[in-house]
Amino acid sequence: MGNKAVANRYAVALFQLAKEKGILKQIGDELQLVKAVFEQTDTLSTVLEHPKVLQETKTEMIKRSFEQAVSEYVLNSLLIMVERKKGSLIIPFINKFQELAYEAQSVAEAKVYTVKPLSEEDKVQISKTFAKKVGVETLYIENIIDPKLIGGMKIRIGDRIYDGSIKRQLDRLERNLVAGNR
């Protein structure tokens, strides 16, 4: 079975448990904390996958790192993954869980690329407008500054891209001019 499928199985199992217990948001928040720790500590995944590090050491490291910060459900999921030598799949597991949780809660994430930071009012307006377009109730906005856009904005929601940037318009104009000269 592929690594992605394995990560998905762990995520689905934890998702079903969290949904059954009514703690979907809590588990999602805890997993985001775990994800932040893994992303900020490059060597954590490497240590968990290293064959010369004893299994007891890996288990103890996970316990010490997360025992006080997460619920027993999240901690047990992490421990099972580490014991089964799937530590490298923790980030994909968290991402899949988040995807399932958002879908169940009618929520989506949007990456909004702009030249300058968006105000809170702008974020709310973009959220309202694009939530309707993608069929969700809530749209979380992550604003990413990209000076190459020149102006306007580009929005990525899942695998959809809405590109209203000046750079795209200039690129399209250039293609039309080049195509027209032949």
C-alpha atoms as a PDB file:
ATOM      1  CA  MET A   1       0.000   0.000   0.000  1.00  0.00           C
ATOM      2  CA  GLY A   2       1.336   3.460  -0.876  1.00  0.00           C
ATOM      3  CA  ASN A   3       2.418   5.902   1.793  1.00  0.00           C
ATOM      4  CA  LYS A   4      -0.388   8.321   0.958  1.00  0.00           C
ATOM      5  CA  ALA A   5      -2.990   5.577   1.348  1.00  0.00           C
ATOM      6  CA  VAL A   6      -1.505   4.600   4.722  1.00  0.00           C
ATOM      7  CA  ALA A   7      -1.571   8.214   5.954  1.00  0.00           C
ATOM      8  CA  ASN A   8      -5.173   8.491   4.726  1.00  0.00           C
ATOM      9  CA  ARG A   9      -6.207   5.365   6.664  1.00  0.00           C
ATOM     10  CA  TYR A  10      -4.820   6.780   9.918  1.00  0.00           C
ATOM     11  CA  ALA A  11      -6.508  10.125   9.227  1.00  0.00           C
ATOM     12  CA  VAL A  12      -9.884   8.535   8.454  1.00  0.00           C
ATOM     13  CA  ALA A  13      -9.729   6.455  11.640  1.00  0.00           C
ATOM     14  CA  LEU A  14      -8.984   9.470  13.844  1.00  0.00           C
ATOM     15  CA  PHE A  15     -11.550  11.573  11.963  1.00  0.00           C
ATOM     16  CA  GLN A  16     -14.305   9.017  12.564  1.00  0.00           C
ATOM     17  CA  LEU A  17     -13.412   8.808  16.261  1.00  0.00           C
ATOM     18  CA  ALA A  18     -13.328  12.611  16.640  1.00  0.00           C
ATOM     19  CA  LYS A  19     -16.639  12.988  14.821  1.00  0.00           C
ATOM     20  CA  GLU A  20     -18.242  10.275  16.960  1.00  0.00           C
ATOM     21  CA  LYS A  21     -16.996  11.951  20.172  1.00  0.00           C
ATOM     22  CA  GLY A  22     -17.985  15.437  18.939  1.00  0.00           C
ATOM     23  CA  ILE A  23     -14.444  16.819  19.250  1.00  0.00           C
ATOM     24  CA  LEU A  24     -13.602  17.401  15.598  1.00  0.00           C
ATOM     25  CA  LYS A  25     -12.460  20.999  16.060  1.00  0.00           C
ATOM     26  CA  GLN A  26     -10.416  20.197  19.178  1.00  0.00           C
ATOM     27  CA  ILE A  27      -8.583  17.333  17.454  1.00  0.00           C
ATOM     28  CA  GLY A  28      -8.028  19.486  14.372  1.00  0.00           C
ATOM     29  CA  ASP A  29      -6.505  22.258  16.502  1.00  0.00           C
ATOM     30  CA  GLU A  30      -4.266  19.793  18.329  1.00  0.00           C
ATOM     31  CA  LEU A  31      -3.069  18.303  15.051  1.00  0.00           C
ATOM     32  CA  GLN A  32      -2.226  21.775  13.741  1.00  0.00           C
ATOM     33  CA  LEU A  33      -0.048  22.253  16.821  1.00  0.00           C
ATOM     34  CA  VAL A  34       1.707  18.936  16.117  1.00  0.00           C
ATOM     35  CA  LYS A  35       2.161  19.938  12.478  1.00  0.00           C
ATOM     36  CA  ALA A  36       3.725  23.257  13.504  1.00  0.00           C
ATOM     37  CA  VAL A  37       6.191  21.434  15.759  1.00  0.00           C
ATOM     38  CA  PHE A  38       7.152  19.018  12.971  1.00  0.00           C
ATOM     39  CA  GLU A  39       7.546  21.836  10.445  1.00  0.00           C
ATOM     40  CA  GLN A  40       9.668  23.945  12.800  1.00  0.00           C
ATOM     41  CA  THR A  41      11.839  20.997  13.842  1.00  0.00           C
ATOM     42  CA  ASP A  42      13.328  19.631  10.630  1.00  0.00           C
ATOM     43  CA  THR A  43      15.161  16.799  12.330  1.00  0.00           C
ATOM     44  CA  LEU A  44      12.123  15.369  14.157  1.00  0.00           C
ATOM     45  CA  SER A  45      10.907  13.268  11.206  1.00  0.00           C
ATOM     46  CA  THR A  46      14.462  12.220  10.448  1.00  0.00           C
ATOM     47  CA  VAL A  47      15.020  10.984  14.003  1.00  0.00           C
ATOM     48  CA  LEU A  48      11.692   9.125  14.004  1.00  0.00           C
ATOM     49  CA  GLU A  49      12.639   7.301  10.812  1.00  0.00           C
ATOM     50  CA  HIS A  50      16.295   6.631  11.678  1.00  0.00           C
ATOM     51  CA  PRO A  51      16.895   2.883  12.067  1.00  0.00           C
ATOM     52  CA  LYS A  52      19.628   3.291  14.699  1.00  0.00           C
ATOM     53  CA  VAL A  53      17.408   5.233  17.106  1.00  0.00           C
ATOM     54  CA  LEU A  54      15.775   2.802  19.515  1.00  0.00           C
ATOM     55  CA  GLN A  55      11.992   2.428  19.342  1.00  0.00           C
ATOM     56  CA  GLU A  56      11.705   3.229  23.062  1.00  0.00           C
ATOM     57  CA  THR A  57      13.601   6.481  22.490  1.00  0.00           C
ATOM     58  CA  LYS A  58      11.268   7.485  19.668  1.00  0.00           C
ATOM     59  CA  THR A  59       8.185   6.684  21.750  1.00  0.00           C
ATOM     60  CA  GLU A  60       9.534   8.581  24.746  1.00  0.00           C
ATOM     61  CA  MET A  61      10.375  11.567  22.549  1.00  0.00           C
ATOM     62  CA  ILE A  62       6.798  11.745  21.211  1.00  0.00           C
ATOM     63  CA  LYS A  63       5.360  11.369  24.712  1.00  0.00           C
ATOM     64  CA  ARG A  64       7.574  14.100  26.197  1.00  0.00           C
ATOM     65  CA  SER A  65       6.926  16.433  23.272  1.00  0.00           C
ATOM     66  CA  PHE A  66       3.147  16.162  23.093  1.00  0.00           C
ATOM     67  CA  GLU A  67       1.744  14.519  26.233  1.00  0.00           C
ATOM     68  CA  GLN A  68       0.834  17.816  27.938  1.00  0.00           C
ATOM     69  CA  ALA A  69      -0.350  19.547  24.758  1.00  0.00           C
ATOM     70  CA  VAL A  70      -2.711  17.099  23.057  1.00  0.00           C
ATOM     71  CA  SER A  71      -5.510  14.691  23.904  1.00  0.00           C
ATOM     72  CA  GLU A  72      -4.967  10.980  24.367  1.00  0.00           C
ATOM     73  CA  TYR A  73      -6.529  10.369  20.925  1.00  0.00           C
ATOM     74  CA  VAL A  74      -3.931  12.452  19.101  1.00  0.00           C
ATOM     75  CA  LEU A  75      -1.076  11.176  21.274  1.00  0.00           C
ATOM     76  CA  ASN A  76      -2.091   7.543  20.723  1.00  0.00           C
ATOM     77  CA  SER A  77      -2.363   8.112  16.967  1.00  0.00           C
ATOM     78  CA  LEU A  78       1.162   9.556  16.894  1.00  0.00           C
ATOM     79  CA  LEU A  79       2.518   6.731  19.032  1.00  0.00           C
ATOM     80  CA  ILE A  80       0.933   4.061  16.839  1.00  0.00           C
ATOM     81  CA  MET A  81       2.384   5.674  13.718  1.00  0.00           C
ATOM     82  CA  VAL A  82       5.850   5.856  15.270  1.00  0.00           C
ATOM     83  CA  GLU A  83       5.663   2.253  16.529  1.00  0.00           C
ATOM     84  CA  ARG A  84       4.705   1.083  13.036  1.00  0.00           C
ATOM     85  CA  LYS A  85       7.591   3.069  11.523  1.00  0.00           C
ATOM     86  CA  LYS A  86       5.278   5.586   9.837  1.00  0.00           C
ATOM     87  CA  GLY A  87       6.717   8.728  11.450  1.00  0.00           C
ATOM     88  CA  SER A  88       7.446  10.247   8.037  1.00  0.00           C
ATOM     89  CA  LEU A  89       3.695  10.149   7.304  1.00  0.00           C
ATOM     90  CA  ILE A  90       2.641  12.340  10.220  1.00  0.00           C
ATOM     91  CA  ILE A  91       2.374  15.560   8.147  1.00  0.00           C
ATOM     92  CA  PRO A  92       0.369  13.865   5.308  1.00  0.00           C
ATOM     93  CA  PHE A  93      -1.818  12.254   7.997  1.00  0.00           C
ATOM     94  CA  ILE A  94      -2.515  15.665   9.568  1.00  0.00           C
ATOM     95  CA  ASN A  95      -3.230  17.237   6.181  1.00  0.00           C
ATOM     96  CA  LYS A  96      -5.733  14.504   5.282  1.00  0.00           C
ATOM     97  CA  PHE A  97      -7.437  14.801   8.682  1.00  0.00           C
ATOM     98  CA  GLN A  98      -7.762  18.567   8.192  1.00  0.00           C
ATOM     99  CA  GLU A  99      -9.213  18.036   4.727  1.00  0.00           C
ATOM    100  CA  LEU A 100     -11.822  15.594   6.099  1.00  0.00           C
ATOM    101  CA  ALA A 101     -12.656  17.869   9.034  1.00  0.00           C
ATOM    102  CA  TYR A 102     -13.078  20.926   6.817  1.00  0.00           C
ATOM    103  CA  GLU A 103     -15.319  18.994   4.457  1.00  0.00           C
ATOM    104  CA  ALA A 104     -17.492  17.795   7.367  1.00  0.00           C
ATOM    105  CA  GLN A 105     -17.738  21.335   8.772  1.00  0.00           C
ATOM    106  CA  SER A 106     -18.340  22.978   5.345  1.00  0.00           C
ATOM    107  CA  VAL A 107     -15.103  24.920   5.640  1.00  0.00           C
ATOM    108  CA  ALA A 108     -12.274  25.520   3.162  1.00  0.00           C
ATOM    109  CA  GLU A 109      -8.922  27.293   3.145  1.00  0.00           C
ATOM    110  CA  ALA A 110      -7.953  29.914   0.600  1.00  0.00           C
ATOM    111  CA  LYS A 111      -4.503  31.241  -0.164  1.00  0.00           C
ATOM    112  CA  VAL A 112      -4.878  34.811  -1.352  1.00  0.00           C
ATOM    113  CA  TYR A 113      -1.824  36.222  -3.108  1.00  0.00           C
ATOM    114  CA  THR A 114      -1.611  40.024  -3.154  1.00  0.00           C
ATOM    115  CA  VAL A 115       1.056  42.708  -3.517  1.00  0.00           C
ATOM    116  CA  LYS A 116       0.307  44.219  -0.106  1.00  0.00           C
ATOM    117  CA  PRO A 117      -1.345  42.810   3.027  1.00  0.00           C
ATOM    118  CA  LEU A 118      -5.130  42.559   3.082  1.00  0.00           C
ATOM    119  CA  SER A 119      -7.122  44.343   5.770  1.00  0.00           C
ATOM    120  CA  GLU A 120      -9.466  42.317   7.961  1.00  0.00           C
ATOM    121  CA  GLU A 121     -12.406  43.872   6.068  1.00  0.00           C
ATOM    122  CA  ASP A 122     -10.934  42.671   2.766  1.00  0.00           C
ATOM    123  CA  LYS A 123     -10.456  39.161   4.152  1.00  0.00           C
ATOM    124  CA  VAL A 124     -14.070  39.036   5.361  1.00  0.00           C
ATOM    125  CA  GLN A 125     -15.361  40.260   1.995  1.00  0.00           C
ATOM    126  CA  ILE A 126     -13.230  37.773   0.029  1.00  0.00           C
ATOM    127  CA  SER A 127     -14.316  34.998   2.385  1.00  0.00           C
ATOM    128  CA  LYS A 128     -18.017  35.771   1.915  1.00  0.00           C
ATOM    129  CA  THR A 129     -17.764  36.104  -1.861  1.00  0.00           C
ATOM    130  CA  PHE A 130     -15.673  33.016  -2.567  1.00  0.00           C
ATOM    131  CA  ALA A 131     -17.306  30.772   0.059  1.00  0.00           C
ATOM    132  CA  LYS A 132     -20.473  30.938  -2.015  1.00  0.00           C
ATOM    133  CA  LYS A 133     -18.559  30.160  -5.225  1.00  0.00           C
ATOM    134  CA  VAL A 134     -17.006  26.988  -3.826  1.00  0.00           C
ATOM    135  CA  GLY A 135     -20.076  25.912  -1.862  1.00  0.00           C
ATOM    136  CA  VAL A 136     -18.839  26.165   1.725  1.00  0.00           C
ATOM    137  CA  GLU A 137     -20.088  28.129   4.708  1.00  0.00           C
ATOM    138  CA  THR A 138     -16.720  29.425   5.901  1.00  0.00           C
ATOM    139  CA  LEU A 139     -13.527  30.213   4.057  1.00  0.00           C
ATOM    140  CA  TYR A 140     -10.321  30.731   6.020  1.00  0.00           C
ATOM    141  CA  ILE A 141      -8.049  33.254   4.329  1.00  0.00           C
ATOM    142  CA  GLU A 142      -4.260  33.008   4.346  1.00  0.00           C
ATOM    143  CA  ASN A 143      -2.777  36.154   2.816  1.00  0.00           C
ATOM    144  CA  ILE A 144       0.511  35.637   0.972  1.00  0.00           C
ATOM    145  CA  ILE A 145       2.439  38.659  -0.249  1.00  0.00           C
ATOM    146  CA  ASP A 146       3.719  38.279  -3.829  1.00  0.00           C
ATOM    147  CA  PRO A 147       5.196  41.438  -5.394  1.00  0.00           C
ATOM    148  CA  LYS A 148       5.449  39.707  -8.804  1.00  0.00           C
ATOM    149  CA  LEU A 149       1.665  40.063  -9.228  1.00  0.00           C
ATOM    150  CA  ILE A 150       2.082  43.838  -9.803  1.00  0.00           C
ATOM    151  CA  GLY A 151      -1.531  44.363  -8.648  1.00  0.00           C
ATOM    152  CA  GLY A 152      -4.853  42.598  -8.228  1.00  0.00           C
ATOM    153  CA  MET A 153      -4.986  39.195  -6.534  1.00  0.00           C
ATOM    154  CA  LYS A 154      -4.759  35.481  -7.132  1.00  0.00           C
ATOM    155  CA  ILE A 155      -6.835  33.090  -5.009  1.00  0.00           C
ATOM    156  CA  ARG A 156      -6.200  29.381  -4.605  1.00  0.00           C
ATOM    157  CA  ILE A 157      -8.932  27.264  -2.992  1.00  0.00           C
ATOM    158  CA  GLY A 158      -8.072  23.581  -3.099  1.00  0.00           C
ATOM    159  CA  ASP A 159      -7.240  22.864  -6.726  1.00  0.00           C
ATOM    160  CA  ARG A 160      -9.109  25.913  -8.072  1.00  0.00           C
ATOM    161  CA  ILE A 161      -7.304  29.128  -8.954  1.00  0.00           C
ATOM    162  CA  TYR A 162      -8.991  32.476  -9.516  1.00  0.00           C
ATOM    163  CA  ASP A 163      -6.417  34.779 -11.068  1.00  0.00           C
ATOM    164  CA  GLY A 164      -7.320  38.471 -11.323  1.00  0.00           C
ATOM    165  CA  SER A 165      -3.750  39.714 -11.140  1.00  0.00           C
ATOM    166  CA  ILE A 166      -2.311  42.354 -13.414  1.00  0.00           C
ATOM    167  CA  LYS A 167       0.601  40.004 -14.185  1.00  0.00           C
ATOM    168  CA  ARG A 168      -1.826  37.441 -15.634  1.00  0.00           C
ATOM    169  CA  GLN A 169      -3.563  40.088 -17.699  1.00  0.00           C
ATOM    170  CA  LEU A 170      -0.209  41.291 -19.053  1.00  0.00           C
ATOM    171  CA  ASP A 171       0.846  37.714 -19.836  1.00  0.00           C
ATOM    172  CA  ARG A 172      -2.421  37.131 -21.706  1.00  0.00           C
ATOM    173  CA  LEU A 173      -1.975  40.377 -23.617  1.00  0.00           C
ATOM    174  CA  GLU A 174       1.592  39.378 -24.536  1.00  0.00           C
ATOM    175  CA  ARG A 175       0.418  35.956 -25.802  1.00  0.00           C
ATOM    176  CA  ASN A 176      -2.281  37.594 -27.922  1.00  0.00           C
ATOM    177  CA  LEU A 177       0.182  40.080 -29.394  1.00  0.00           C
ATOM    178  CA  VAL A 178       2.738  37.384 -30.177  1.00  0.00           C
ATOM    179  CA  ALA A 179       0.083  35.104 -31.701  1.00  0.00           C
ATOM    180  CA  GLY A 180      -1.316  37.993 -33.764  1.00  0.00           C
ATOM    181  CA  ASN A 181       2.075  38.806 -35.312  1.00  0.00           C
ATOM    182  CA  ARG A 182       2.468  35.415 -37.023  1.00  0.00           C
END
